[in-house]
Amino acid sequence: SRSDQERGRQFTLGGGSASSYTSNVALTRRDTRDDVFAVVNAAGTWSRPPNPEVGMQFGLQASMFRYNRESQLDFNSLGAGLGLSWTPQHWSGVGIFGRYDFTELIDQHGNEILRDHQFSLGAQKVFVLGRAHAFSLGALGSAGISTPSAAERNQAGIFAGYHLQLTRFLATDLLYRIAGQSYSDSNRLDLNQVVSWSLRWRLAEWAEANAYFSYGDNRSNTSVFDYRISSGGGGLVCTVRF
């Protein structure tokens, strides 16, 4: 069947662009500045052939971020990641997952801003509420190795999500996450909260439009790192599976 063919496809190539607004471009406590920025992204993914319990995925990604007024913040991002998941059938929708992600940020002059290795481990329980919607709860921990070391941090948090398939072509998601963050080279401790909403509209087998809004609140034992931020925007993504 056609759905079986879709599930059997192991490679995905994609690209997209988006425009977004942010209320606090520099993540500052006072004298915040808003801005509009554009993102262009390209990615490739290999997924393990379908299995009811075990999943594996490897991906490469490259992105460009360009700001309207604060052009000194422009940067490019290169990344690679490997993810593993295990959802035993007798665990009633509970799964565990682990990831390794490498990210390198480069400024517009080709200088490296950040090199980061992240190791993550988490668990999630999915509650299927009906054919069109589901609720999920989970916990996630991560450890990082970064250059420069000032950016290196470890994190532990919990999250909750709700997915609703409005129509065959339209779906929406709501996510809340709260996490504690500790920085390796200082005594800084943060409590970070994020609420996000997204809407996806499938235009064709290979194209999807999306819109999103998010709000974040960060509280730190070093008050200079306290901030609030809201962001929103939308874009278009094209994918080819084979």
Foldseek 3Di string as FASTA:
>chain_A
DVVLVVLQFFKKKKKKKKKKKKFAVPLWAPPGHIWIKMKIKIKMKGKDRDDPFKIKMKMWMKMWIAIDPPRQPTKIKTKIKIKMKGDDPVVQQKIKMKMWMWMWIAHPVGHTDKTKIKIKIKMKGWADPDPFKIKMKMKMWMFMDMPVLQPGKIKIWIKIKMKGRPDPFKIKMKMKMWMWMARDPDRKIKIKIKIKMKMWGHPDPFKIKMKMKMKMFMPMPPRRSTGIMIMIIIIMMGMDTD
